[in-house]
């Protein structure tokens, strides 16, 4: 006889063996989340991410994405590099005080998480299928149907993860866990197998507003509400046009993503290092001088970002981002020799074929004091 509770416990054990930090199960009735999603879209907070508006409420209706889905297996995976020191947050904040040094978001310094999680989720799904076929568990009529996702489809990941007990939604809208902070990735497996949901946890942000106060652009416009159009992660990754003048100075030396709201979160003192080598930082993405990164030609960019999430923005946007950071380094009033080196680096791209790059180079040079 199929014992669903025992099977969920078995799934959780398999998930830990596969490198995940925690496994949960959520139901598929997300109707209560639909008004918030619609309000966010109607406010235009998704910016240029038109696919979010295109999918609309499909994001809150798992069975429309994969017909027959009745349960969602949720997973989280820690991503801090294995050699992360205890004072990692302080060290990361210190990087922002060195204008000539490029800062890449922590999650993006290693292998592309889409590849890591999707492959491991797929293997976990196949193990579930094999177990159902072998017994003593009972497979659904017609066999198991499954599909793995991680930040790659219209899925309300934080909502599902929160409902399944992987944590609670913080005021910065990221998921928080008492023993893991927020430095982890989320993934899901949609299943046509009815499983009992794992219980949700309670929220523990209280009166804290550290993340709201730390956001350089004020993108966290209210607790649990982010305007992506102002978010540095959106501006440096998702946005494909000119970075609005109003936010360029606030970007500082961040060339890909932003961790500020997480660096100040008290719960991240409990963040755990990954057990996987996949998320170990690549040396050429840590503590690198901006002129060196700006000198990468497209072939170098493609070679050094192979298997990295950074590759998706392409060389043109890479130069755009680094140009903004170079401009901010000039605005900081560096020593004459440093100023000359920054200007020299920018001058090499003044005649770049891309109007986007040329415009940001011109702006950056205009920041020289």
Protein backbone atom coordinates (compact mmCIF):
# COMPACT_ATOMS: atom_id res chain seq x y z
CA UNK A 1 0.00 0.00 0.00
CA UNK A 2 1.29 3.46 -0.90
CA UNK A 3 2.26 5.42 2.21
CA UNK A 4 2.58 9.02 1.01
CA UNK A 5 4.18 10.34 4.20
CA UNK A 6 6.90 7.68 4.12
CA UNK A 7 7.48 8.36 0.44
CA UNK A 8 7.96 12.09 1.08
CA UNK A 9 10.51 11.26 3.77
CA UNK A 10 12.30 9.06 1.26
CA UNK A 11 12.27 11.88 -1.32
CA UNK A 12 13.80 14.24 1.22
CA UNK A 13 16.60 11.77 1.94
CA UNK A 14 17.27 11.34 -1.78
CA UNK A 15 17.32 15.11 -2.18
CA UNK A 16 20.03 15.49 0.44
CA UNK A 17 22.04 12.77 -1.29
CA UNK A 18 21.70 14.71 -4.55
CA UNK A 19 23.28 17.81 -3.02
CA UNK A 20 20.18 19.78 -2.07
CA UNK A 21 19.92 21.49 1.30
CA UNK A 22 16.21 20.83 1.82
CA UNK A 23 13.24 19.26 0.04
CA UNK A 24 9.57 20.08 0.52
CA UNK A 25 6.21 19.45 -1.13
CA UNK A 26 3.59 22.05 -2.06
CA UNK A 27 0.11 21.83 -3.43
CA UNK A 28 -0.91 23.55 -6.66
CA UNK A 29 -3.75 25.80 -5.51
CA UNK A 30 -2.07 29.22 -5.57
CA UNK A 31 -5.19 31.30 -6.11
CA UNK A 32 -4.50 33.40 -3.04
CA UNK A 33 -1.24 34.59 -4.65
CA UNK A 34 -2.88 35.75 -7.87
CA UNK A 35 -4.03 39.23 -6.73
CA UNK A 36 -0.52 40.15 -5.60
CA UNK A 37 0.99 38.95 -8.86
CA UNK A 38 -1.53 40.93 -10.91
CA UNK A 39 -0.97 44.09 -8.86
CA UNK A 40 2.79 43.80 -9.31
CA UNK A 41 2.43 43.41 -13.06
CA UNK A 42 -0.13 46.21 -13.36
CA UNK A 43 2.26 48.55 -11.54
CA UNK A 44 4.83 47.85 -14.23
CA UNK A 45 7.35 46.62 -11.67
CA UNK A 46 8.49 43.86 -14.03
CA UNK A 47 10.10 46.49 -16.26
CA UNK A 48 11.28 45.12 -19.59
CA UNK A 49 10.69 41.51 -18.61
CA UNK A 50 7.74 41.26 -20.96
CA UNK A 51 7.60 37.49 -20.65
CA UNK A 52 6.30 37.91 -17.11
CA UNK A 53 3.28 39.89 -18.30
CA UNK A 54 2.86 37.53 -21.25
CA UNK A 55 2.55 34.50 -18.99
CA UNK A 56 0.30 36.36 -16.57
CA UNK A 57 -1.53 34.09 -14.14
CA UNK A 58 -0.04 30.96 -15.68
CA UNK A 59 2.79 31.54 -13.20
CA UNK A 60 0.32 30.88 -10.36
CA UNK A 61 -1.29 27.86 -12.02
CA UNK A 62 1.14 24.92 -12.16
CA UNK A 63 -1.33 22.60 -13.86
CA UNK A 64 -1.47 24.97 -16.85
CA UNK A 65 2.29 24.74 -17.25
CA UNK A 66 2.32 20.94 -16.98
CA UNK A 67 -1.17 19.44 -17.31
CA UNK A 68 -1.89 16.81 -14.70
CA UNK A 69 0.35 18.37 -12.03
CA UNK A 70 -1.09 17.83 -8.56
CA UNK A 71 2.04 18.24 -6.41
CA UNK A 72 5.23 20.28 -6.61
CA UNK A 73 8.45 19.02 -5.09
CA UNK A 74 10.45 22.06 -3.97
CA UNK A 75 14.18 22.21 -3.37
CA UNK A 76 16.76 24.66 -2.15
CA UNK A 77 20.52 24.49 -2.60
CA UNK A 78 23.12 26.58 -0.75
CA UNK A 79 25.51 28.41 -3.06
CA UNK A 80 28.20 30.16 -1.03
CA UNK A 81 31.60 28.82 -2.16
CA UNK A 82 33.07 25.99 -0.11
CA UNK A 83 35.92 28.19 1.17
CA UNK A 84 33.65 31.02 2.36
CA UNK A 85 35.09 32.58 5.57
CA UNK A 86 32.88 33.41 8.59
CA UNK A 87 33.17 37.15 7.92
CA UNK A 88 32.16 36.84 4.26
CA UNK A 89 29.46 39.53 4.44
CA UNK A 90 31.85 42.09 5.88
CA UNK A 91 34.40 41.25 3.20
CA UNK A 92 31.81 41.66 0.47
CA UNK A 93 30.75 45.05 1.80
CA UNK A 94 34.40 46.09 1.87
CA UNK A 95 34.69 45.33 -1.86
CA UNK A 96 32.17 48.06 -2.56
CA UNK A 97 34.50 50.58 -0.93
CA UNK A 98 37.23 49.85 -3.50
CA UNK A 99 35.89 51.70 -6.59
CA UNK A 100 38.47 50.33 -9.00
CA UNK A 101 37.64 46.70 -8.19
CA UNK A 102 34.80 44.93 -9.99
CA UNK A 103 32.08 43.25 -7.93
CA UNK A 104 30.19 40.27 -9.33
CA UNK A 105 27.25 38.94 -7.34
CA UNK A 106 28.21 35.96 -5.20
CA UNK A 107 25.85 33.53 -6.90
CA UNK A 108 27.38 34.22 -10.32
CA UNK A 109 31.05 33.59 -9.56
CA UNK A 110 30.85 29.85 -10.16
CA UNK A 111 29.01 27.54 -12.53
CA UNK A 112 25.63 28.45 -13.95
CA UNK A 113 23.10 27.41 -11.31
CA UNK A 114 20.50 26.66 -13.98
CA UNK A 115 22.66 23.81 -15.21
CA UNK A 116 23.59 22.52 -11.76
CA UNK A 117 20.09 22.45 -10.30
CA UNK A 118 18.29 21.29 -13.42
CA UNK A 119 20.58 18.31 -13.88
CA UNK A 120 20.26 17.27 -10.24
CA UNK A 121 16.51 17.81 -10.20
CA UNK A 122 16.19 15.71 -13.33
CA UNK A 123 18.19 12.88 -11.78
CA UNK A 124 16.03 13.09 -8.65
CA UNK A 125 12.87 12.91 -10.79
CA UNK A 126 14.23 9.86 -12.59
CA UNK A 127 14.98 8.21 -9.26
CA UNK A 128 11.40 8.85 -8.15
CA UNK A 129 10.12 7.32 -11.38
CA UNK A 130 12.30 4.22 -10.96
CA UNK A 131 11.15 3.79 -7.37
CA UNK A 132 7.50 3.98 -8.36
CA UNK A 133 8.01 1.40 -11.07
CA UNK A 134 9.86 -0.97 -8.76
CA UNK A 135 7.46 -0.68 -5.81
CA UNK A 136 6.35 -0.88 -3.08
CA UNK A 137 5.21 2.61 -4.04
CA UNK A 138 2.29 2.98 -6.44
CA UNK A 139 2.77 4.95 -9.67
CA UNK A 140 -0.08 7.13 -11.02
CA UNK A 141 -2.23 5.67 -13.75
CA UNK A 142 -0.34 6.07 -17.00
CA UNK A 143 2.98 6.46 -15.22
CA UNK A 144 4.75 9.35 -13.58
CA UNK A 145 4.84 12.68 -15.40
CA UNK A 146 7.44 15.15 -14.20
CA UNK A 147 9.26 18.29 -15.23
CA UNK A 148 12.10 20.11 -13.47
CA UNK A 149 12.45 23.89 -13.27
CA UNK A 150 14.82 26.42 -11.77
CA UNK A 151 14.27 30.09 -12.55
CA UNK A 152 13.54 29.15 -16.14
CA UNK A 153 9.76 29.05 -16.54
CA UNK A 154 6.61 30.83 -15.31
CA UNK A 155 6.73 29.44 -11.76
CA UNK A 156 6.06 31.24 -8.48
CA UNK A 157 9.18 29.75 -6.91
CA UNK A 158 9.22 31.69 -3.64
CA UNK A 159 5.50 31.14 -3.12
CA UNK A 160 5.81 27.39 -3.61
CA UNK A 161 8.94 27.16 -1.49
CA UNK A 162 7.32 29.13 1.32
CA UNK A 163 4.18 27.01 1.29
CA UNK A 164 6.29 23.85 1.52
CA UNK A 165 8.32 24.94 4.53
CA UNK A 166 11.62 25.86 2.85
CA UNK A 167 11.46 29.27 4.52
CA UNK A 168 9.48 32.48 4.57
CA UNK A 169 9.37 35.44 2.20
CA UNK A 170 11.62 38.22 3.47
CA UNK A 171 10.85 41.90 3.02
CA UNK A 172 13.27 41.93 0.07
CA UNK A 173 10.97 39.24 -1.47
CA UNK A 174 13.67 36.55 -1.32
CA UNK A 175 13.12 33.37 0.67
CA UNK A 176 14.70 33.22 4.13
CA UNK A 177 15.51 30.16 6.23
CA UNK A 178 16.42 30.17 9.91
CA UNK A 179 19.45 27.93 9.33
CA UNK A 180 20.40 29.08 5.83
CA UNK A 181 19.64 32.77 5.46
CA UNK A 182 18.88 33.53 1.81
CA UNK A 183 22.07 32.45 0.05
CA UNK A 184 20.54 29.54 -1.83
CA UNK A 185 18.89 28.68 -5.12
CA UNK A 186 15.38 27.30 -5.57
CA UNK A 187 14.15 24.59 -7.90
CA UNK A 188 11.02 22.53 -8.46
CA UNK A 189 9.77 19.26 -9.90
CA UNK A 190 6.16 19.26 -11.07
CA UNK A 191 4.54 15.86 -10.48
CA UNK A 192 1.28 14.16 -11.35
CA UNK A 193 1.67 12.23 -8.09
CA UNK A 194 -0.48 13.32 -5.14
CA UNK A 195 1.74 13.89 -2.13
CA UNK A 196 0.97 15.50 1.25
CA UNK A 197 2.36 19.05 1.50
CA UNK A 198 5.12 19.63 4.02
CA UNK A 199 4.10 22.24 6.60
CA UNK A 200 5.05 25.91 6.09
CA UNK A 201 7.20 27.76 8.59
CA UNK A 202 6.49 31.07 10.29
CA UNK A 203 7.99 34.43 9.29
CA UNK A 204 10.74 35.95 11.40
CA UNK A 205 11.54 39.38 9.95
CA UNK A 206 9.70 41.25 12.69
CA UNK A 207 10.28 45.01 12.61
CA UNK A 208 13.62 44.72 10.80
CA UNK A 209 13.96 46.86 7.68
CA UNK A 210 17.69 46.49 7.05
CA UNK A 211 17.17 45.31 3.47
CA UNK A 212 14.92 48.26 2.60
CA UNK A 213 17.38 50.77 4.04
CA UNK A 214 20.40 49.16 2.33
CA UNK A 215 19.04 49.05 -1.23
CA UNK A 216 21.18 51.55 -3.19
CA UNK A 217 18.37 52.53 -5.55
CA UNK A 218 15.36 52.17 -3.25
CA UNK A 219 14.08 49.30 -5.37
CA UNK A 220 12.40 47.70 -2.34
CA UNK A 221 9.61 50.26 -2.46
CA UNK A 222 7.75 48.68 0.47
CA UNK A 223 8.11 45.52 2.53
CA UNK A 224 7.64 42.50 0.23
CA UNK A 225 7.43 44.72 -2.88
CA UNK A 226 10.28 45.28 -5.35
CA UNK A 227 10.25 47.56 -8.37
CA UNK A 228 12.57 45.66 -10.70
CA UNK A 229 13.11 48.75 -12.83
CA UNK A 230 15.22 50.23 -10.03
CA UNK A 231 16.96 47.01 -8.97
CA UNK A 232 20.68 46.81 -9.79
CA UNK A 233 20.37 43.09 -10.52
CA UNK A 234 17.70 43.86 -13.11
CA UNK A 235 19.59 46.82 -14.56
CA UNK A 236 22.86 44.92 -15.00
CA UNK A 237 21.40 41.58 -16.12
CA UNK A 238 17.84 41.69 -17.47
CA UNK A 239 17.76 45.22 -18.89
CA UNK A 240 19.12 45.31 -22.43
CA UNK A 241 19.13 49.03 -23.13
CA UNK A 242 20.88 52.07 -21.70
CA UNK A 243 21.05 52.09 -17.92
CA UNK A 244 18.94 55.07 -16.76
CA UNK A 245 21.07 58.03 -15.74
CA UNK A 246 19.28 58.24 -12.40
CA UNK A 247 20.72 54.90 -11.26
CA UNK A 248 24.22 54.84 -12.73
CA UNK A 249 26.00 56.40 -9.76
CA UNK A 250 24.18 54.06 -7.34
CA UNK A 251 25.49 51.03 -9.21
CA UNK A 252 28.98 51.80 -7.96
CA UNK A 253 31.39 49.01 -8.91
CA UNK A 254 28.74 46.29 -9.25
CA UNK A 255 29.08 44.92 -12.77
CA UNK A 256 26.76 41.90 -12.51
CA UNK A 257 23.99 41.67 -9.96
CA UNK A 258 23.75 43.07 -6.45
CA UNK A 259 23.85 41.42 -3.02
CA UNK A 260 23.29 44.46 -0.80
CA UNK A 261 19.92 43.46 0.63
CA UNK A 262 21.32 40.06 1.54
CA UNK A 263 24.60 41.30 2.98
CA UNK A 264 22.80 43.29 5.68
CA UNK A 265 20.17 40.65 6.51
CA UNK A 266 20.70 39.37 10.08
CA UNK A 267 19.59 35.89 9.06
CA UNK A 268 22.50 35.51 6.68
CA UNK A 269 24.86 35.01 9.59
CA UNK A 270 23.48 31.47 9.36
CA UNK A 271 24.06 31.12 5.61
CA UNK A 272 25.76 27.84 4.76
CA UNK A 273 28.56 27.12 2.31
CA UNK A 274 27.74 24.78 -0.54
CA UNK A 275 28.95 21.20 -0.48
CA UNK A 276 29.47 21.30 -4.25
CA UNK A 277 32.57 22.47 -6.14
CA UNK A 278 30.28 23.91 -8.84
CA UNK A 279 29.84 27.15 -6.93
CA UNK A 280 33.50 27.74 -6.11
CA UNK A 281 34.42 31.21 -7.35
CA UNK A 282 36.36 31.60 -10.58
CA UNK A 283 39.49 33.64 -9.86
CA UNK A 284 38.99 35.97 -12.83
CA UNK A 285 35.62 37.08 -11.42
CA UNK A 286 36.84 38.06 -7.95
CA UNK A 287 38.81 41.17 -6.93
CA UNK A 288 39.65 42.08 -10.52
CA UNK A 289 40.60 45.62 -11.61
CA UNK A 290 37.93 47.17 -13.80
CA UNK A 291 40.31 48.06 -16.67
CA UNK A 292 41.31 44.40 -17.01
CA UNK A 293 37.70 43.26 -17.40
CA UNK A 294 36.97 46.13 -19.79
CA UNK A 295 39.83 44.92 -21.98
CA UNK A 296 38.20 41.54 -22.66
CA UNK A 297 37.32 41.19 -26.31
CA UNK A 298 34.29 39.09 -27.24
CA UNK A 299 36.30 35.88 -27.68
CA UNK A 300 37.85 36.33 -24.23
CA UNK A 301 34.46 37.11 -22.72
CA UNK A 302 32.95 33.95 -24.20
CA UNK A 303 35.89 31.81 -23.11
CA UNK A 304 36.02 33.09 -19.54
CA UNK A 305 32.25 32.96 -19.03
CA UNK A 306 31.74 29.49 -20.48
CA UNK A 307 29.40 27.59 -18.17
CA UNK A 308 28.73 30.79 -16.21
CA UNK A 309 25.40 32.62 -15.80
CA UNK A 310 27.20 35.80 -16.86
CA UNK A 311 27.47 34.67 -20.48
CA UNK A 312 23.77 35.28 -21.02
CA UNK A 313 24.15 39.08 -20.98
CA UNK A 314 26.62 39.02 -23.88
CA UNK A 315 29.78 41.04 -24.47
CA UNK A 316 27.98 44.30 -25.34
CA UNK A 317 26.13 44.51 -22.02
CA UNK A 318 29.26 43.38 -20.20
CA UNK A 319 31.10 46.42 -21.59
CA UNK A 320 28.13 48.65 -20.77
CA UNK A 321 28.18 47.52 -17.15
CA UNK A 322 31.93 47.82 -16.72
CA UNK A 323 31.88 51.26 -18.33
CA UNK A 324 29.40 52.47 -15.71
CA UNK A 325 31.62 51.10 -12.95
CA UNK A 326 34.66 52.81 -14.51
CA UNK A 327 32.76 56.09 -14.56
CA UNK A 328 31.87 55.70 -10.91
CA UNK A 329 35.52 54.95 -10.10
CA UNK A 330 36.49 58.20 -11.83
CA UNK A 331 33.81 60.09 -9.91
CA UNK A 332 35.37 58.87 -6.66
CA UNK A 333 38.38 61.11 -7.32
CA UNK A 334 41.22 58.60 -7.59
CA UNK A 335 44.93 59.44 -7.56
CA UNK A 336 46.22 60.96 -10.82
CA UNK A 337 47.91 57.76 -12.02
CA UNK A 338 44.78 55.70 -11.34
CA UNK A 339 42.63 58.33 -13.01
CA UNK A 340 44.84 58.19 -16.09
CA UNK A 341 44.61 54.38 -16.24
CA UNK A 342 40.81 54.45 -15.98
CA UNK A 343 40.50 57.08 -18.70
CA UNK A 344 42.90 55.18 -20.92
CA UNK A 345 40.85 52.01 -20.55
CA UNK A 346 37.67 53.84 -21.47
CA UNK A 347 39.31 55.55 -24.44
CA UNK A 348 39.92 52.15 -26.06
CA UNK A 349 36.16 51.72 -26.53
CA UNK A 350 35.21 55.23 -27.67
CA UNK A 351 34.87 54.00 -31.24
CA UNK A 352 33.13 50.73 -30.38
CA UNK A 353 30.63 49.57 -33.06
CA UNK A 354 27.83 49.50 -30.46
CA UNK A 355 26.05 52.79 -29.81
CA UNK A 356 25.10 51.39 -26.40
CA UNK A 357 28.74 50.93 -25.45
CA UNK A 358 29.82 54.28 -26.88
CA UNK A 359 27.16 56.17 -24.95
CA UNK A 360 28.15 54.60 -21.64
CA UNK A 361 31.84 55.18 -22.33
CA UNK A 362 31.14 58.87 -23.02
CA UNK A 363 29.18 59.16 -19.80
CA UNK A 364 31.92 57.43 -17.85
CA UNK A 365 34.64 59.74 -19.21
CA UNK A 366 32.50 62.73 -18.27
CA UNK A 367 32.68 61.63 -14.62
CA UNK A 368 36.42 62.36 -14.42
CA UNK A 369 37.15 65.09 -11.92
